[in-house]
Amino acid sequence: MRRRGLLGIIGLAVALVVSACSFGGSPGSTVVTSAADSTTSASPASALATAATGPKPAALPRKSAAGGSVTSAAVGDMMLGNTPDLAPDPGTYFQAVKPDLKYGAQVVFGNLEGTLTTSTTSKCGSKPSSDCFAFRNPPAYAHYFKQAGFTVLNDANNHSHDFGAAGLTRTVRSIHAAGLAQTGLPGEITRLNVKGIPVAFVAFAPYTYTASLLDLPAARALIRQAARTARIVVVYMHAGAEGAQADHVTGREEIYLGEDRGNPEAFAHMAVDAGASLVIASGPHVLRGLQFYRGHLIAYSLGNFVGYGNFSIHGNLTMSAVLRVTLSSSGRFEQARLYPVELAGTGRPVPGGGAVSFVARLSSADFGASAARVRSSGVITRRG
């Protein structure tokens, strides 16, 4: 899906989120401070107002919380149809997979592959719908993601600007109004307090209206900023070519429809070197393999997770998964597991399918000695 040239987006973090505040004194960065438990006075719904008052994030403690760990669940691309063709009974659309999303996880992350807006002016203009895709759900649909258990939604992707700056503005406001945190805008660091442990999310895609993964020096600087005031840093990348034939990580720059989608492996390794505790990804619309780099897990694509006619569903594109990862309070890998999901009908997620064995094969084929070992139970361990 192609993007159009867009103006005025760099100012979005100020004009739209009104969440800008100095993060470590570095220019051009924003931070949204949200809560994942009751230990902080800020709530996700009030993150805009909290950040607007300009409080500087608390200095990182010399020692992390005694013991403790943080468990996150992550999934790939999500949309609940496309107005006016919307998923039936959206309040129950996640029902079958809610246990896998919520059980034991303090943070649940997903990529919102589209907008939450009533705007009708899209990037497609007069183009036929078969040649251009612009996704939108009603703003109130943010509550269905909340009900499903999500705590953080990502906007760093090629559909977040389908309805221009106005559509993205409404999307971010709708996410926050539902009590969810959001990430992925230029220069944006989203900080959560999870059981007293500072956790940061930073998300990237190959576009100027997102934090860009094509500008490696800027991306590296933003991740390093996040690492200075968070014990755990989760980096998301919307990277790589698309489709059923794009299930392998190439180790090279990946081009799709003439568009540079980055070098996912090089970007992920850079992110870990810069301070990422965990790297997760989607964008190829198909599952990809898992790798350990310097002791940190990288999930190169979690595929599609939910749709209603939004995504192609055939062959390996029907497979999805929930990735659950537990990190120590200092960001060290402790354990992980992949829960298989398949997309039924027009895109409803239900437990089951061949995702575990598929990801295990891809991991071994693409990464050799650095591949994650994915057992038949879905348990993920390092080799050796």
Protein backbone atom coordinates (compact mmCIF):
# COMPACT_ATOMS: atom_id res chain seq x y z
CA MET A 1 0.00 0.00 0.00
CA ARG A 2 1.56 3.22 -1.14
CA ARG A 3 1.86 6.40 0.85
CA ARG A 4 1.46 9.98 -0.34
CA GLY A 5 3.80 12.88 0.32
CA LEU A 6 2.63 14.57 3.51
CA LEU A 7 3.21 17.98 4.98
CA GLY A 8 3.23 19.29 8.48
CA ILE A 9 3.61 15.93 10.21
CA ILE A 10 6.74 16.70 12.17
CA GLY A 11 4.72 19.15 14.23
CA LEU A 12 2.13 16.50 15.01
CA ALA A 13 3.65 15.49 18.32
CA VAL A 14 2.99 19.01 19.60
CA ALA A 15 -0.15 20.05 17.74
CA LEU A 16 -1.90 16.71 18.04
CA VAL A 17 -0.84 14.95 21.15
CA VAL A 18 0.01 18.06 23.14
CA SER A 19 2.23 15.58 24.94
CA ALA A 20 5.62 17.07 24.29
CA CYS A 21 7.97 17.58 27.16
CA SER A 22 11.72 17.58 27.47
CA PHE A 23 13.12 14.04 27.71
CA GLY A 24 16.66 14.23 28.93
CA GLY A 25 16.97 17.71 27.47
CA SER A 26 17.33 16.49 23.90
CA PRO A 27 15.59 18.59 21.25
CA GLY A 28 13.01 17.06 18.94
CA SER A 29 11.86 14.33 21.32
CA THR A 30 8.57 13.78 23.08
CA VAL A 31 7.52 11.51 25.88
CA VAL A 32 4.12 10.23 26.83
CA THR A 33 4.02 9.02 30.40
CA SER A 34 1.36 6.40 31.02
CA ALA A 35 0.50 3.98 33.77
CA ALA A 36 0.26 0.21 33.70
CA ASP A 37 -0.54 -0.13 37.38
CA SER A 38 -1.64 1.95 40.35
CA THR A 39 1.83 2.96 41.46
CA THR A 40 1.85 6.16 39.42
CA SER A 41 -0.41 9.18 39.60
CA ALA A 42 -0.72 9.45 35.80
CA SER A 43 -3.31 7.34 33.99
CA PRO A 44 -3.27 6.36 30.30
CA ALA A 45 -6.37 8.45 29.63
CA SER A 46 -4.76 11.51 31.15
CA ALA A 47 -1.37 11.10 29.52
CA LEU A 48 -1.92 14.04 27.18
CA ALA A 49 -2.73 16.44 29.99
CA THR A 50 0.01 15.06 32.23
CA ALA A 51 2.71 15.50 29.60
CA ALA A 52 1.43 18.92 28.64
CA THR A 53 2.21 20.24 32.11
CA GLY A 54 5.86 19.51 31.38
CA PRO A 55 6.89 17.18 34.23
CA LYS A 56 10.31 15.72 33.67
CA PRO A 57 10.42 11.92 34.00
CA ALA A 58 11.83 10.83 37.33
CA ALA A 59 15.52 10.02 37.34
CA LEU A 60 16.24 6.35 36.85
CA PRO A 61 16.91 4.72 40.24
CA ARG A 62 20.38 3.39 40.80
CA LYS A 63 18.92 -0.05 41.35
CA SER A 64 15.81 -1.49 39.76
CA ALA A 65 12.91 -2.69 41.86
CA ALA A 66 13.95 -5.51 44.14
CA GLY A 67 13.35 -8.70 42.19
CA GLY A 68 10.32 -8.48 40.01
CA SER A 69 9.81 -8.87 36.30
CA VAL A 70 7.54 -7.59 33.56
CA THR A 71 5.54 -9.83 31.27
CA SER A 72 4.36 -8.44 27.94
CA ALA A 73 2.11 -9.94 25.31
CA ALA A 74 2.48 -8.70 21.73
CA VAL A 75 0.62 -9.27 18.49
CA GLY A 76 0.81 -7.98 14.94
CA ASP A 77 -1.51 -5.99 12.67
CA MET A 78 -5.09 -5.23 13.67
CA MET A 79 -8.16 -3.56 12.21
CA LEU A 80 -11.83 -4.38 12.81
CA GLY A 81 -12.95 -3.91 9.22
CA ASN A 82 -13.14 -0.73 7.21
CA THR A 83 -16.02 1.74 7.50
CA PRO A 84 -18.75 1.06 6.41
CA ASP A 85 -17.85 -2.67 6.29
CA LEU A 86 -17.17 -3.30 9.96
CA ALA A 87 -16.68 -6.47 11.97
CA PRO A 88 -19.95 -7.81 13.37
CA ASP A 89 -20.22 -7.79 17.17
CA PRO A 90 -16.82 -6.11 17.59
CA GLY A 91 -17.15 -6.34 21.37
CA THR A 92 -16.84 -10.12 21.11
CA TYR A 93 -14.43 -10.32 18.18
CA PHE A 94 -11.39 -11.01 20.42
CA GLN A 95 -13.26 -13.29 22.81
CA ALA A 96 -11.58 -16.55 21.79
CA VAL A 97 -8.04 -15.17 22.22
CA LYS A 98 -8.52 -12.96 25.29
CA PRO A 99 -7.05 -15.60 27.65
CA ASP A 100 -3.83 -15.76 25.61
CA LEU A 101 -3.64 -11.96 25.48
CA LYS A 102 -4.28 -11.18 29.12
CA TYR A 103 -3.11 -14.13 31.19
CA GLY A 104 -0.11 -13.10 33.27
CA ALA A 105 0.72 -10.06 31.13
CA GLN A 106 1.00 -6.57 32.60
CA VAL A 107 1.44 -4.99 29.14
CA VAL A 108 -0.41 -6.00 25.96
CA PHE A 109 0.85 -4.44 22.71
CA GLY A 110 -0.63 -4.45 19.22
CA ASN A 111 -0.18 -2.60 15.94
CA LEU A 112 -3.22 -0.56 14.90
CA GLU A 113 -2.99 -0.93 11.12
CA GLY A 114 -5.20 2.01 10.27
CA THR A 115 -7.14 4.90 11.79
CA LEU A 116 -9.92 5.62 14.25
CA THR A 117 -11.67 8.51 12.58
CA THR A 118 -14.83 9.73 10.89
CA SER A 119 -12.86 11.62 8.25
CA THR A 120 -13.74 10.77 4.66
CA THR A 121 -10.82 12.41 2.85
CA SER A 122 -8.27 9.66 2.34
CA LYS A 123 -4.94 9.23 0.61
CA CYS A 124 -6.70 7.28 -2.16
CA GLY A 125 -8.62 10.19 -3.63
CA SER A 126 -10.27 8.96 -6.83
CA LYS A 127 -8.17 5.78 -7.07
CA PRO A 128 -10.17 2.53 -7.31
CA SER A 129 -10.32 0.58 -4.06
CA SER A 130 -8.55 -2.36 -5.70
CA ASP A 131 -5.44 -0.21 -6.14
CA CYS A 132 -5.42 1.72 -2.86
CA PHE A 133 -6.29 0.77 0.69
CA ALA A 134 -7.30 3.30 3.34
CA PHE A 135 -8.44 1.78 6.63
CA ARG A 136 -10.67 3.40 9.25
CA ASN A 137 -12.81 2.32 12.17
CA PRO A 138 -15.11 4.56 14.20
CA PRO A 139 -13.25 6.36 17.03
CA ALA A 140 -15.33 4.47 19.62
CA TYR A 141 -13.72 1.21 18.47
CA ALA A 142 -10.71 2.04 20.63
CA HIS A 143 -12.80 0.74 23.52
CA TYR A 144 -13.01 -2.72 21.94
CA PHE A 145 -9.22 -2.95 21.95
CA LYS A 146 -9.27 -1.87 25.58
CA GLN A 147 -11.87 -4.51 26.43
CA ALA A 148 -9.76 -7.17 24.73
CA GLY A 149 -6.91 -6.38 27.12
CA PHE A 150 -4.63 -4.15 25.09
CA THR A 151 -2.69 -1.46 26.96
CA VAL A 152 -0.47 -0.02 24.18
CA LEU A 153 -1.38 0.55 20.52
CA ASN A 154 1.14 1.44 17.84
CA ASP A 155 0.74 4.05 15.08
CA ALA A 156 4.10 3.57 13.34
CA ASN A 157 2.89 1.92 10.15
CA ASN A 158 1.89 2.64 6.55
CA HIS A 159 -1.83 3.05 7.33
CA SER A 160 -1.81 5.46 10.28
CA HIS A 161 -1.91 8.38 7.85
CA ASP A 162 -4.55 6.96 5.50
CA PHE A 163 -6.81 9.92 6.32
CA GLY A 164 -4.10 12.53 6.69
CA ALA A 165 -3.06 14.51 9.72
CA ALA A 166 -6.68 14.97 10.82
CA GLY A 167 -7.26 11.21 10.80
CA LEU A 168 -4.11 10.54 12.78
CA THR A 169 -4.98 13.28 15.26
CA ARG A 170 -8.39 11.73 15.90
CA THR A 171 -6.83 8.27 16.16
CA VAL A 172 -4.38 9.23 18.87
CA ARG A 173 -7.01 11.14 20.84
CA SER A 174 -9.38 8.17 20.61
CA ILE A 175 -6.72 5.77 21.87
CA HIS A 176 -6.01 7.96 24.88
CA ALA A 177 -9.70 8.58 25.56
CA ALA A 178 -10.18 4.81 25.84
CA GLY A 179 -7.50 4.62 28.53
CA LEU A 180 -4.78 3.19 26.32
CA ALA A 181 -1.21 4.28 25.73
CA GLN A 182 0.01 4.97 22.20
CA THR A 183 3.37 5.16 20.48
CA GLY A 184 5.04 5.59 17.08
CA LEU A 185 4.99 9.33 16.25
CA PRO A 186 8.19 11.18 15.28
CA GLY A 187 10.49 11.49 18.29
CA GLU A 188 7.96 9.80 20.59
CA ILE A 189 8.93 7.74 23.63
CA THR A 190 6.05 6.18 25.54
CA ARG A 191 6.91 5.45 29.15
CA LEU A 192 4.93 3.19 31.47
CA ASN A 193 5.33 2.32 35.11
CA VAL A 194 4.80 -1.42 35.53
CA LYS A 195 4.93 -2.69 39.11
CA GLY A 196 7.32 0.15 39.90
CA ILE A 197 9.57 -0.71 36.96
CA PRO A 198 10.00 1.99 34.26
CA VAL A 199 9.26 0.57 30.81
CA ALA A 200 9.61 2.50 27.54
CA PHE A 201 8.10 1.80 24.12
CA VAL A 202 9.60 3.27 20.94
CA ALA A 203 8.17 2.37 17.54
CA PHE A 204 9.45 2.91 14.00
CA ALA A 205 8.31 2.63 10.38
CA PRO A 206 9.85 3.86 7.10
CA TYR A 207 7.86 7.12 6.93
CA THR A 208 8.29 10.77 7.88
CA TYR A 209 4.98 10.83 9.75
CA THR A 210 6.31 8.16 12.12
CA ALA A 211 9.55 7.70 13.97
CA SER A 212 11.57 6.66 10.91
CA LEU A 213 13.51 3.41 10.76
CA LEU A 214 15.32 4.64 7.64
CA ASP A 215 17.14 7.35 9.61
CA LEU A 216 19.39 5.08 11.64
CA PRO A 217 21.29 7.81 13.55
CA ALA A 218 18.05 9.44 14.71
CA ALA A 219 16.53 6.08 15.58
CA ARG A 220 19.62 5.09 17.55
CA ALA A 221 19.54 8.37 19.46
CA LEU A 222 15.86 7.96 20.33
CA ILE A 223 16.37 4.41 21.64
CA ARG A 224 19.34 5.55 23.70
CA GLN A 225 17.18 8.32 25.18
CA ALA A 226 14.56 5.78 26.15
CA ALA A 227 17.19 3.57 27.77
CA ARG A 228 18.43 6.43 29.95
CA THR A 229 15.20 6.62 31.96
CA ALA A 230 13.71 3.13 31.59
CA ARG A 231 14.97 -0.22 32.78
CA ILE A 232 13.12 -2.02 30.01
CA VAL A 233 12.97 -0.69 26.44
CA VAL A 234 10.69 -2.37 23.90
CA VAL A 235 11.32 -1.39 20.28
CA TYR A 236 8.76 -2.04 17.55
CA MET A 237 9.53 -1.91 13.84
CA HIS A 238 7.08 -1.98 10.93
CA ALA A 239 9.63 -3.27 8.47
CA GLY A 240 10.17 -5.59 5.53
CA ALA A 241 8.47 -6.65 2.32
CA GLU A 242 4.88 -7.93 2.33
CA GLY A 243 2.96 -11.06 1.46
CA ALA A 244 3.03 -14.83 1.53
CA GLN A 245 6.46 -14.91 -0.13
CA ALA A 246 7.96 -12.47 2.41
CA ASP A 247 8.24 -14.90 5.32
CA HIS A 248 12.05 -14.98 5.32
CA VAL A 249 14.34 -12.31 6.76
CA THR A 250 16.77 -11.52 3.95
CA GLY A 251 19.45 -9.63 5.83
CA ARG A 252 19.24 -6.96 3.14
CA GLU A 253 17.29 -3.79 2.44
CA GLU A 254 13.77 -4.92 1.56
CA ILE A 255 11.78 -3.14 -1.16
CA TYR A 256 8.02 -3.47 -1.65
CA LEU A 257 6.12 -1.78 -4.48
CA GLY A 258 9.16 0.39 -5.06
CA GLU A 259 9.24 1.52 -1.43
CA ASP A 260 12.23 1.06 0.87
CA ARG A 261 10.98 -0.92 3.86
CA GLY A 262 14.36 -1.03 5.60
CA ASN A 263 16.75 -3.81 6.53
CA PRO A 264 14.91 -5.45 9.45
CA GLU A 265 17.86 -7.46 10.73
CA ALA A 266 20.29 -4.55 10.65
CA PHE A 267 17.74 -2.27 12.32
CA ALA A 268 16.93 -4.79 15.05
CA HIS A 269 20.59 -5.36 15.85
CA MET A 270 21.16 -1.61 15.99
CA ALA A 271 18.22 -1.29 18.37
CA VAL A 272 19.65 -3.86 20.77
CA ASP A 273 23.09 -2.24 20.59
CA ALA A 274 21.42 1.09 21.46
CA GLY A 275 19.65 -0.32 24.53
CA ALA A 276 16.55 -2.26 23.44
CA SER A 277 15.59 -5.11 25.76
CA LEU A 278 13.17 -6.65 23.25
CA VAL A 279 12.44 -6.02 19.55
CA ILE A 280 9.07 -6.92 18.04
CA ALA A 281 7.75 -6.33 14.54
CA SER A 282 4.98 -6.69 12.01
CA GLY A 283 4.28 -5.28 8.58
CA PRO A 284 5.04 -8.22 6.25
CA HIS A 285 1.51 -9.58 7.01
CA VAL A 286 3.08 -12.99 7.52
CA LEU A 287 4.90 -14.57 10.44
CA ARG A 288 8.70 -14.49 10.44
CA GLY A 289 11.38 -16.13 12.52
CA LEU A 290 12.80 -15.39 15.97
CA GLN A 291 16.42 -14.63 16.80
CA PHE A 292 18.53 -13.93 19.85
CA TYR A 293 21.10 -11.18 19.50
CA ARG A 294 23.37 -10.36 22.44
CA GLY A 295 20.93 -12.26 24.66
CA HIS A 296 17.86 -10.28 23.56
CA LEU A 297 14.90 -11.71 21.67
CA ILE A 298 13.90 -10.32 18.25
CA ALA A 299 10.55 -11.25 16.69
CA TYR A 300 10.82 -10.23 13.02
CA SER A 301 7.09 -10.33 12.28
CA LEU A 302 4.02 -11.32 14.27
CA GLY A 303 1.90 -11.23 11.11
CA ASN A 304 -1.76 -10.19 11.13
CA PHE A 305 -3.78 -10.65 14.29
CA VAL A 306 -7.30 -9.47 13.53
CA GLY A 307 -9.18 -8.12 10.55
CA TYR A 308 -12.52 -8.12 8.80
CA GLY A 309 -11.62 -8.18 5.14
CA ASN A 310 -8.63 -5.92 5.78
CA PHE A 311 -5.92 -8.44 4.93
CA SER A 312 -5.43 -11.30 2.50
CA ILE A 313 -6.10 -14.60 4.26
CA HIS A 314 -4.83 -17.70 2.52
CA GLY A 315 -2.04 -20.24 3.05
CA ASN A 316 0.58 -19.04 5.51
CA LEU A 317 -1.26 -15.69 5.84
CA THR A 318 -3.89 -17.39 8.02
CA MET A 319 -1.32 -18.05 10.74
CA SER A 320 -0.83 -15.65 13.63
CA ALA A 321 0.38 -15.74 17.20
CA VAL A 322 0.52 -14.11 20.60
CA LEU A 323 4.10 -13.64 21.80
CA ARG A 324 4.45 -13.53 25.58
CA VAL A 325 7.83 -12.44 26.94
CA THR A 326 8.99 -12.02 30.53
CA LEU A 327 11.93 -9.69 31.20
CA SER A 328 13.69 -9.02 34.47
CA SER A 329 13.45 -5.59 36.05
CA SER A 330 16.79 -4.79 34.36
CA GLY A 331 15.59 -5.88 30.90
CA ARG A 332 17.22 -9.31 30.86
CA PHE A 333 15.42 -12.08 28.99
CA GLU A 334 13.83 -14.60 31.34
CA GLN A 335 11.28 -16.60 29.35
CA ALA A 336 8.98 -16.47 26.35
CA ARG A 337 6.28 -18.47 24.67
CA LEU A 338 4.45 -18.34 21.36
CA TYR A 339 0.71 -19.07 21.41
CA PRO A 340 -0.62 -20.13 17.98
CA VAL A 341 -3.57 -18.28 16.49
CA GLU A 342 -5.33 -18.68 13.16
CA LEU A 343 -7.55 -16.21 11.35
CA ALA A 344 -10.99 -17.67 10.73
CA GLY A 345 -13.58 -16.45 8.27
CA THR A 346 -12.69 -12.94 7.18
CA GLY A 347 -10.10 -12.45 9.91
CA ARG A 348 -11.39 -13.37 13.40
CA PRO A 349 -8.55 -14.66 15.62
CA VAL A 350 -9.04 -18.07 17.24
CA PRO A 351 -6.52 -20.29 19.06
CA GLY A 352 -4.80 -22.99 17.05
CA GLY A 353 -3.09 -23.53 13.74
CA GLY A 354 0.46 -24.23 12.69
CA ALA A 355 2.19 -21.02 13.76
CA VAL A 356 4.57 -22.62 16.24
CA SER A 357 6.12 -25.13 13.85
CA PHE A 358 6.12 -22.55 11.05
CA VAL A 359 8.07 -20.01 13.12
CA ALA A 360 10.42 -22.73 14.37
CA ARG A 361 11.32 -23.68 10.79
CA LEU A 362 11.78 -20.08 9.69
CA SER A 363 13.97 -19.29 12.71
CA SER A 364 16.36 -22.17 12.02
CA ALA A 365 16.49 -21.48 8.30
CA ASP A 366 17.17 -17.76 8.61
CA PHE A 367 19.41 -17.45 11.66
CA GLY A 368 21.31 -20.68 12.22
CA ALA A 369 23.20 -20.65 15.52
CA SER A 370 21.54 -17.39 16.64
CA ALA A 371 18.01 -18.67 15.98
CA ALA A 372 15.62 -18.98 18.86
CA ARG A 373 14.66 -22.55 19.68
CA VAL A 374 10.87 -22.81 19.47
CA ARG A 375 9.64 -26.01 21.08
CA SER A 376 6.42 -27.73 20.05
CA SER A 377 4.80 -26.29 23.20
CA GLY A 378 5.61 -22.79 21.95
CA VAL A 379 8.26 -22.25 24.63
CA ILE A 380 11.13 -20.13 23.31
CA THR A 381 14.71 -20.60 24.52
CA ARG A 382 18.20 -19.77 23.41
CA ARG A 383 20.28 -22.45 21.74
CA GLY A 384 23.22 -24.02 23.48
